[in-house]
Amino acid sequence: AGGPRKVALLRGRGLDPVVDYREPDWTDRVRAAVGGVDVVFDGVGGSLARAAFDLLDRGGRMLSFGLASGAWADLPEEEASARGVTLLRPGGTPDELRALTEQALAEGAAGRLRPLIGQRFPLDRAADAHAAIESRATVGKTLLDVR
């Protein structure tokens, strides 16, 4: 998690261990707590994603879906292959993406996906919502209320 507020929020939801990736020793703390990891969900990219990639055990998977840092991580396919790590990035045909979206929406409607809604803004404050997201001051999902 990024910052003490987000770490506390996750711990309050019963998650443990939780580390702050803004701390310089965060990867050491992950290794001390759990060893390596099987899966990385990367929404940041850049050097943070590279550090998370290095935590993956042999045969792990890394799903990169965002680049909040401004760039994808430099993850050589050859290195991933040598470690048996699968790298997954957005792609696919429009029909494949539509099918995945429909599946995710169905899971949400069935109550099996429960996003953390961290904050709401009225529609006329959409610029404030975007500024909060860009400054990384948000937690979870940010909603614009249209009513």
N, C-alpha and C. Protein backbone atom coordinates (compact mmCIF):
# COMPACT_ATOMS: atom_id res chain seq x y z
N ALA A 1 0.85 -1.18 0.00
CA ALA A 1 0.00 0.00 0.00
C ALA A 1 0.88 1.23 0.00
N GLY A 2 0.37 2.33 -0.49
CA GLY A 2 1.14 3.56 -0.57
C GLY A 2 0.80 4.56 0.51
N GLY A 3 1.53 4.53 1.60
CA GLY A 3 1.35 5.50 2.68
C GLY A 3 0.70 4.90 3.91
N PRO A 4 0.95 5.53 5.06
CA PRO A 4 0.44 5.00 6.33
C PRO A 4 -1.08 4.88 6.40
N ARG A 5 -1.80 5.83 5.79
CA ARG A 5 -3.26 5.78 5.83
C ARG A 5 -3.78 4.53 5.13
N LYS A 6 -3.21 4.21 3.99
CA LYS A 6 -3.65 3.03 3.24
C LYS A 6 -3.23 1.75 3.94
N VAL A 7 -2.06 1.74 4.55
CA VAL A 7 -1.62 0.57 5.32
C VAL A 7 -2.60 0.32 6.46
N ALA A 8 -2.96 1.36 7.19
CA ALA A 8 -3.89 1.23 8.32
C ALA A 8 -5.27 0.75 7.84
N LEU A 9 -5.72 1.27 6.72
CA LEU A 9 -7.01 0.86 6.18
C LEU A 9 -7.02 -0.64 5.87
N LEU A 10 -5.97 -1.12 5.23
CA LEU A 10 -5.91 -2.54 4.89
C LEU A 10 -5.79 -3.42 6.13
N ARG A 11 -5.01 -2.99 7.09
CA ARG A 11 -4.91 -3.75 8.34
C ARG A 11 -6.26 -3.78 9.04
N GLY A 12 -6.99 -2.66 8.99
CA GLY A 12 -8.32 -2.59 9.59
C GLY A 12 -9.31 -3.51 8.92
N ARG A 13 -9.03 -3.91 7.70
CA ARG A 13 -9.90 -4.86 6.98
C ARG A 13 -9.41 -6.29 7.16
N GLY A 14 -8.45 -6.49 8.08
CA GLY A 14 -8.01 -7.83 8.42
C GLY A 14 -6.88 -8.38 7.57
N LEU A 15 -6.27 -7.55 6.76
CA LEU A 15 -5.16 -8.03 5.92
C LEU A 15 -3.85 -7.94 6.69
N ASP A 16 -3.04 -8.98 6.55
CA ASP A 16 -1.74 -9.00 7.20
C ASP A 16 -0.89 -10.05 6.51
N PRO A 17 0.32 -9.80 6.16
CA PRO A 17 1.04 -8.56 6.39
C PRO A 17 0.69 -7.50 5.34
N VAL A 18 0.91 -6.26 5.72
CA VAL A 18 0.75 -5.12 4.81
C VAL A 18 2.02 -4.30 4.93
N VAL A 19 2.58 -3.93 3.79
CA VAL A 19 3.78 -3.09 3.79
C VAL A 19 3.53 -1.83 2.99
N ASP A 20 4.27 -0.79 3.32
CA ASP A 20 4.19 0.49 2.63
C ASP A 20 5.29 0.52 1.57
N TYR A 21 4.90 0.50 0.29
CA TYR A 21 5.90 0.47 -0.77
C TYR A 21 6.67 1.77 -0.89
N ARG A 22 6.28 2.78 -0.14
CA ARG A 22 7.03 4.04 -0.14
C ARG A 22 8.23 3.99 0.80
N GLU A 23 8.27 2.96 1.63
CA GLU A 23 9.41 2.78 2.54
C GLU A 23 10.54 2.09 1.77
N PRO A 24 11.79 2.52 2.01
CA PRO A 24 12.89 1.98 1.21
C PRO A 24 13.12 0.48 1.37
N ASP A 25 12.73 -0.10 2.48
CA ASP A 25 12.99 -1.53 2.72
C ASP A 25 11.77 -2.41 2.48
N TRP A 26 10.80 -1.92 1.71
CA TRP A 26 9.54 -2.65 1.60
C TRP A 26 9.72 -4.05 1.05
N THR A 27 10.61 -4.25 0.08
CA THR A 27 10.77 -5.60 -0.48
C THR A 27 11.40 -6.54 0.55
N ASP A 28 12.31 -6.02 1.37
CA ASP A 28 12.89 -6.85 2.44
C ASP A 28 11.81 -7.27 3.43
N ARG A 29 10.88 -6.37 3.71
CA ARG A 29 9.81 -6.67 4.65
C ARG A 29 8.86 -7.72 4.08
N VAL A 30 8.61 -7.66 2.79
CA VAL A 30 7.77 -8.69 2.16
C VAL A 30 8.47 -10.04 2.25
N ARG A 31 9.74 -10.07 1.88
CA ARG A 31 10.49 -11.34 1.93
C ARG A 31 10.52 -11.90 3.34
N ALA A 32 10.71 -11.03 4.35
CA ALA A 32 10.76 -11.50 5.73
C ALA A 32 9.40 -12.07 6.17
N ALA A 33 8.32 -11.49 5.67
CA ALA A 33 6.98 -11.91 6.09
C ALA A 33 6.50 -13.16 5.36
N VAL A 34 6.75 -13.24 4.05
CA VAL A 34 6.15 -14.33 3.28
C VAL A 34 7.12 -15.03 2.34
N GLY A 35 8.35 -14.59 2.29
CA GLY A 35 9.28 -15.15 1.30
C GLY A 35 9.00 -14.50 -0.03
N GLY A 36 8.87 -15.30 -1.07
CA GLY A 36 8.50 -14.77 -2.38
C GLY A 36 7.00 -14.75 -2.53
N VAL A 37 6.55 -14.23 -3.65
CA VAL A 37 5.11 -14.16 -3.91
C VAL A 37 4.78 -14.90 -5.20
N ASP A 38 3.54 -15.32 -5.32
CA ASP A 38 3.08 -16.06 -6.49
C ASP A 38 2.52 -15.15 -7.57
N VAL A 39 1.91 -14.03 -7.16
CA VAL A 39 1.22 -13.14 -8.10
C VAL A 39 1.49 -11.70 -7.72
N VAL A 40 1.71 -10.88 -8.74
CA VAL A 40 1.81 -9.43 -8.56
C VAL A 40 0.77 -8.78 -9.47
N PHE A 41 -0.06 -7.91 -8.90
CA PHE A 41 -0.99 -7.09 -9.66
C PHE A 41 -0.39 -5.69 -9.68
N ASP A 42 0.07 -5.25 -10.83
CA ASP A 42 0.81 -3.99 -10.93
C ASP A 42 0.01 -2.92 -11.64
N GLY A 43 -0.36 -1.89 -10.90
CA GLY A 43 -1.06 -0.75 -11.49
C GLY A 43 -0.18 0.47 -11.56
N VAL A 44 1.11 0.33 -11.23
CA VAL A 44 2.00 1.48 -11.14
C VAL A 44 3.05 1.49 -12.24
N GLY A 45 3.68 0.35 -12.50
CA GLY A 45 4.74 0.30 -13.49
C GLY A 45 6.05 0.83 -12.94
N GLY A 46 6.98 1.14 -13.84
CA GLY A 46 8.25 1.74 -13.46
C GLY A 46 9.07 0.90 -12.50
N SER A 47 9.85 1.60 -11.67
CA SER A 47 10.76 0.91 -10.74
C SER A 47 10.02 0.13 -9.67
N LEU A 48 8.85 0.59 -9.27
CA LEU A 48 8.06 -0.14 -8.27
C LEU A 48 7.66 -1.52 -8.81
N ALA A 49 7.23 -1.55 -10.05
CA ALA A 49 6.85 -2.83 -10.65
C ALA A 49 8.07 -3.74 -10.80
N ARG A 50 9.20 -3.15 -11.13
CA ARG A 50 10.41 -3.96 -11.26
C ARG A 50 10.76 -4.61 -9.92
N ALA A 51 10.66 -3.84 -8.83
CA ALA A 51 10.95 -4.38 -7.50
C ALA A 51 9.97 -5.50 -7.15
N ALA A 52 8.70 -5.32 -7.50
CA ALA A 52 7.70 -6.35 -7.23
C ALA A 52 7.97 -7.60 -8.07
N PHE A 53 8.38 -7.41 -9.31
CA PHE A 53 8.75 -8.53 -10.19
C PHE A 53 9.84 -9.37 -9.54
N ASP A 54 10.82 -8.70 -8.94
CA ASP A 54 11.93 -9.41 -8.31
C ASP A 54 11.49 -10.25 -7.11
N LEU A 55 10.31 -9.97 -6.56
CA LEU A 55 9.77 -10.75 -5.44
C LEU A 55 9.09 -12.04 -5.90
N LEU A 56 8.80 -12.16 -7.18
CA LEU A 56 8.07 -13.32 -7.67
C LEU A 56 8.90 -14.59 -7.56
N ASP A 57 8.25 -15.63 -7.05
CA ASP A 57 8.86 -16.96 -7.03
C ASP A 57 8.84 -17.55 -8.44
N ARG A 58 9.64 -18.58 -8.63
CA ARG A 58 9.63 -19.32 -9.90
C ARG A 58 8.21 -19.76 -10.19
N GLY A 59 7.79 -19.54 -11.43
CA GLY A 59 6.45 -19.94 -11.84
C GLY A 59 5.38 -18.91 -11.52
N GLY A 60 5.78 -17.75 -10.98
CA GLY A 60 4.81 -16.72 -10.63
C GLY A 60 4.19 -16.04 -11.84
N ARG A 61 3.25 -15.17 -11.55
CA ARG A 61 2.57 -14.40 -12.59
C ARG A 61 2.56 -12.93 -12.21
N MET A 62 2.73 -12.09 -13.22
CA MET A 62 2.66 -10.65 -13.00
C MET A 62 1.69 -10.06 -14.00
N LEU A 63 0.65 -9.43 -13.47
CA LEU A 63 -0.35 -8.77 -14.30
C LEU A 63 -0.13 -7.27 -14.19
N SER A 64 0.28 -6.65 -15.28
CA SER A 64 0.46 -5.20 -15.32
C SER A 64 -0.75 -4.60 -16.01
N PHE A 65 -1.45 -3.70 -15.31
CA PHE A 65 -2.67 -3.14 -15.86
C PHE A 65 -2.71 -1.63 -15.82
N GLY A 66 -1.66 -1.00 -15.32
CA GLY A 66 -1.64 0.45 -15.25
C GLY A 66 -0.22 0.96 -15.19
N LEU A 67 -0.08 2.24 -15.42
CA LEU A 67 1.25 2.82 -15.35
C LEU A 67 1.18 4.19 -14.69
N ALA A 68 0.76 4.18 -13.43
CA ALA A 68 0.65 5.43 -12.67
C ALA A 68 1.99 6.15 -12.58
N SER A 69 3.09 5.41 -12.71
CA SER A 69 4.41 6.03 -12.68
C SER A 69 4.74 6.73 -13.99
N GLY A 70 3.96 6.45 -15.02
CA GLY A 70 4.21 7.04 -16.33
C GLY A 70 4.87 6.11 -17.32
N ALA A 71 5.27 4.92 -16.88
CA ALA A 71 5.93 3.98 -17.79
C ALA A 71 5.72 2.56 -17.31
N TRP A 72 5.68 1.64 -18.27
CA TRP A 72 5.66 0.23 -17.93
C TRP A 72 7.01 -0.13 -17.32
N ALA A 73 7.05 -1.17 -16.53
CA ALA A 73 8.31 -1.64 -15.97
C ALA A 73 9.16 -2.26 -17.06
N ASP A 74 10.46 -2.13 -16.90
CA ASP A 74 11.40 -2.78 -17.80
C ASP A 74 11.58 -4.22 -17.33
N LEU A 75 10.79 -5.11 -17.92
CA LEU A 75 10.82 -6.52 -17.52
C LEU A 75 11.18 -7.36 -18.74
N PRO A 76 12.46 -7.72 -18.87
CA PRO A 76 12.87 -8.50 -20.03
C PRO A 76 12.17 -9.85 -20.10
N GLU A 77 11.58 -10.12 -21.24
CA GLU A 77 10.88 -11.40 -21.46
C GLU A 77 11.81 -12.59 -21.19
N GLU A 78 13.10 -12.44 -21.56
CA GLU A 78 14.05 -13.54 -21.39
C GLU A 78 14.23 -13.87 -19.90
N GLU A 79 14.32 -12.83 -19.08
CA GLU A 79 14.49 -13.06 -17.64
C GLU A 79 13.25 -13.72 -17.05
N ALA A 80 12.08 -13.24 -17.45
CA ALA A 80 10.83 -13.83 -16.96
C ALA A 80 10.76 -15.30 -17.39
N SER A 81 11.08 -15.56 -18.63
CA SER A 81 11.03 -16.93 -19.14
C SER A 81 12.00 -17.84 -18.38
N ALA A 82 13.20 -17.35 -18.11
CA ALA A 82 14.20 -18.15 -17.41
C ALA A 82 13.73 -18.52 -16.00
N ARG A 83 12.92 -17.65 -15.40
CA ARG A 83 12.39 -17.91 -14.06
C ARG A 83 11.03 -18.58 -14.09
N GLY A 84 10.51 -18.83 -15.28
CA GLY A 84 9.18 -19.43 -15.39
C GLY A 84 8.07 -18.49 -14.99
N VAL A 85 8.32 -17.19 -15.07
CA VAL A 85 7.33 -16.18 -14.69
C VAL A 85 6.53 -15.78 -15.92
N THR A 86 5.22 -15.73 -15.77
CA THR A 86 4.33 -15.31 -16.84
C THR A 86 4.03 -13.83 -16.68
N LEU A 87 4.26 -13.07 -17.74
CA LEU A 87 3.95 -11.64 -17.76
C LEU A 87 2.66 -11.43 -18.54
N LEU A 88 1.71 -10.77 -17.91
CA LEU A 88 0.42 -10.51 -18.55
C LEU A 88 0.21 -9.00 -18.62
N ARG A 89 -0.07 -8.52 -19.81
CA ARG A 89 -0.33 -7.09 -20.01
C ARG A 89 -1.64 -6.97 -20.77
N PRO A 90 -2.25 -5.79 -20.68
CA PRO A 90 -3.52 -5.61 -21.40
C PRO A 90 -3.36 -5.92 -22.88
N GLY A 91 -4.37 -6.44 -23.42
CA GLY A 91 -4.35 -6.76 -24.84
C GLY A 91 -5.60 -7.53 -25.20
N GLY A 92 -5.57 -8.14 -26.30
CA GLY A 92 -6.71 -8.92 -26.73
C GLY A 92 -7.58 -8.13 -27.69
N THR A 93 -8.47 -8.85 -28.31
CA THR A 93 -9.37 -8.22 -29.27
C THR A 93 -10.49 -7.52 -28.51
N PRO A 94 -11.19 -6.61 -29.17
CA PRO A 94 -12.34 -5.98 -28.51
C PRO A 94 -13.36 -6.99 -27.99
N ASP A 95 -13.58 -8.08 -28.74
CA ASP A 95 -14.54 -9.09 -28.29
C ASP A 95 -14.04 -9.79 -27.02
N GLU A 96 -12.73 -10.08 -26.95
CA GLU A 96 -12.16 -10.72 -25.75
C GLU A 96 -12.27 -9.78 -24.55
N LEU A 97 -11.95 -8.51 -24.76
CA LEU A 97 -12.05 -7.54 -23.66
C LEU A 97 -13.50 -7.36 -23.22
N ARG A 98 -14.42 -7.35 -24.17
CA ARG A 98 -15.85 -7.24 -23.84
C ARG A 98 -16.30 -8.44 -23.00
N ALA A 99 -15.86 -9.64 -23.37
CA ALA A 99 -16.23 -10.84 -22.62
C ALA A 99 -15.68 -10.79 -21.20
N LEU A 100 -14.45 -10.35 -21.04
CA LEU A 100 -13.87 -10.23 -19.70
C LEU A 100 -14.60 -9.18 -18.88
N THR A 101 -14.97 -8.07 -19.51
CA THR A 101 -15.72 -7.03 -18.81
C THR A 101 -17.08 -7.55 -18.37
N GLU A 102 -17.75 -8.27 -19.24
CA GLU A 102 -19.05 -8.85 -18.89
C GLU A 102 -18.92 -9.82 -17.72
N GLN A 103 -17.87 -10.62 -17.74
CA GLN A 103 -17.64 -11.58 -16.64
C GLN A 103 -17.40 -10.82 -15.33
N ALA A 104 -16.58 -9.79 -15.37
CA ALA A 104 -16.31 -9.01 -14.15
C ALA A 104 -17.57 -8.35 -13.63
N LEU A 105 -18.39 -7.79 -14.52
CA LEU A 105 -19.64 -7.16 -14.09
C LEU A 105 -20.60 -8.18 -13.49
N ALA A 106 -20.66 -9.37 -14.07
CA ALA A 106 -21.52 -10.43 -13.52
C ALA A 106 -21.05 -10.84 -12.13
N GLU A 107 -19.73 -10.94 -11.94
CA GLU A 107 -19.19 -11.28 -10.62
C GLU A 107 -19.56 -10.19 -9.60
N GLY A 108 -19.46 -8.93 -10.02
CA GLY A 108 -19.83 -7.83 -9.13
C GLY A 108 -21.31 -7.86 -8.79
N ALA A 109 -22.15 -8.10 -9.79
CA ALA A 109 -23.59 -8.15 -9.56
C ALA A 109 -23.97 -9.29 -8.62
N ALA A 110 -23.19 -10.38 -8.67
CA ALA A 110 -23.45 -11.53 -7.81
C ALA A 110 -22.87 -11.34 -6.41
N GLY A 111 -22.16 -10.25 -6.19
CA GLY A 111 -21.60 -9.98 -4.87
C GLY A 111 -20.26 -10.64 -4.60
N ARG A 112 -19.65 -11.21 -5.63
CA ARG A 112 -18.36 -11.88 -5.44
C ARG A 112 -17.18 -10.94 -5.63
N LEU A 113 -17.41 -9.78 -6.21
CA LEU A 113 -16.39 -8.72 -6.28
C LEU A 113 -16.93 -7.54 -5.49
N ARG A 114 -16.16 -7.10 -4.54
CA ARG A 114 -16.61 -5.98 -3.71
C ARG A 114 -15.50 -4.92 -3.66
N PRO A 115 -15.55 -3.97 -4.57
CA PRO A 115 -14.51 -2.93 -4.56
C PRO A 115 -14.62 -2.06 -3.31
N LEU A 116 -13.48 -1.57 -2.89
CA LEU A 116 -13.45 -0.62 -1.79
C LEU A 116 -13.73 0.76 -2.37
N ILE A 117 -14.84 1.34 -1.99
CA ILE A 117 -15.17 2.70 -2.43
C ILE A 117 -14.66 3.65 -1.36
N GLY A 118 -13.61 4.37 -1.72
CA GLY A 118 -12.93 5.20 -0.75
C GLY A 118 -13.49 6.60 -0.62
N GLN A 119 -14.03 7.14 -1.69
CA GLN A 119 -14.52 8.51 -1.66
C GLN A 119 -15.50 8.73 -2.80
N ARG A 120 -16.39 9.70 -2.56
CA ARG A 120 -17.39 10.09 -3.56
C ARG A 120 -17.32 11.59 -3.75
N PHE A 121 -17.57 12.02 -4.97
CA PHE A 121 -17.62 13.43 -5.30
C PHE A 121 -18.88 13.69 -6.11
N PRO A 122 -19.55 14.82 -5.87
CA PRO A 122 -20.65 15.16 -6.77
C PRO A 122 -20.09 15.47 -8.16
N LEU A 123 -20.89 15.26 -9.18
CA LEU A 123 -20.43 15.43 -10.55
C LEU A 123 -19.82 16.81 -10.79
N ASP A 124 -20.39 17.83 -10.16
CA ASP A 124 -19.86 19.18 -10.40
C ASP A 124 -18.47 19.38 -9.77
N ARG A 125 -17.99 18.39 -9.02
CA ARG A 125 -16.62 18.44 -8.46
C ARG A 125 -15.73 17.39 -9.11
N ALA A 126 -16.03 17.04 -10.35
CA ALA A 126 -15.23 16.03 -11.06
C ALA A 126 -13.76 16.43 -11.13
N ALA A 127 -13.49 17.70 -11.31
CA ALA A 127 -12.09 18.15 -11.37
C ALA A 127 -11.38 17.87 -10.04
N ASP A 128 -12.08 18.04 -8.92
CA ASP A 128 -11.49 17.73 -7.61
C ASP A 128 -11.21 16.22 -7.49
N ALA A 129 -12.12 15.42 -8.00
CA ALA A 129 -11.92 13.97 -7.96
C ALA A 129 -10.68 13.58 -8.77
N HIS A 130 -10.55 14.13 -9.94
CA HIS A 130 -9.37 13.84 -10.77
C HIS A 130 -8.08 14.31 -10.10
N ALA A 131 -8.13 15.48 -9.48
CA ALA A 131 -6.94 15.99 -8.79
C ALA A 131 -6.55 15.08 -7.63
N ALA A 132 -7.54 14.57 -6.90
CA ALA A 132 -7.26 13.66 -5.78
C ALA A 132 -6.63 12.36 -6.28
N ILE A 133 -7.14 11.84 -7.39
CA ILE A 133 -6.58 10.61 -7.96
C ILE A 133 -5.15 10.87 -8.43
N GLU A 134 -4.94 11.95 -9.16
CA GLU A 134 -3.61 12.26 -9.69
C GLU A 134 -2.58 12.48 -8.59
N SER A 135 -3.02 13.05 -7.47
CA SER A 135 -2.08 13.30 -6.36
C SER A 135 -1.89 12.06 -5.49
N ARG A 136 -2.58 10.98 -5.84
CA ARG A 136 -2.51 9.71 -5.11
C ARG A 136 -3.01 9.85 -3.68
N ALA A 137 -3.95 10.76 -3.47
CA ALA A 137 -4.53 10.98 -2.15
C ALA A 137 -5.74 10.08 -1.90
N THR A 138 -6.13 9.30 -2.89
CA THR A 138 -7.33 8.48 -2.77
C THR A 138 -7.01 7.09 -2.26
N VAL A 139 -8.04 6.44 -1.75
CA VAL A 139 -7.96 5.05 -1.33
C VAL A 139 -9.08 4.32 -2.04
N GLY A 140 -8.79 3.18 -2.63
CA GLY A 140 -9.84 2.42 -3.30
C GLY A 140 -10.37 3.16 -4.52
N LYS A 141 -11.63 2.96 -4.80
CA LYS A 141 -12.27 3.54 -5.97
C LYS A 141 -12.87 4.91 -5.64
N THR A 142 -12.82 5.78 -6.60
CA THR A 142 -13.40 7.12 -6.48
C THR A 142 -14.62 7.18 -7.37
N LEU A 143 -15.75 7.56 -6.79
CA LEU A 143 -17.00 7.61 -7.54
C LEU A 143 -17.44 9.05 -7.74
N LEU A 144 -18.05 9.30 -8.92
CA LEU A 144 -18.72 10.57 -9.18
C LEU A 144 -20.21 10.31 -9.05
N ASP A 145 -20.88 11.03 -8.15
CA ASP A 145 -22.31 10.89 -7.98
C ASP A 145 -23.01 11.82 -8.97
N VAL A 146 -23.92 11.27 -9.78
CA VAL A 146 -24.59 12.06 -10.80
C VAL A 146 -25.94 12.59 -10.34
N ARG A 147 -26.38 12.22 -9.16
CA ARG A 147 -27.67 12.73 -8.66
C ARG A 147 -27.45 13.67 -7.51
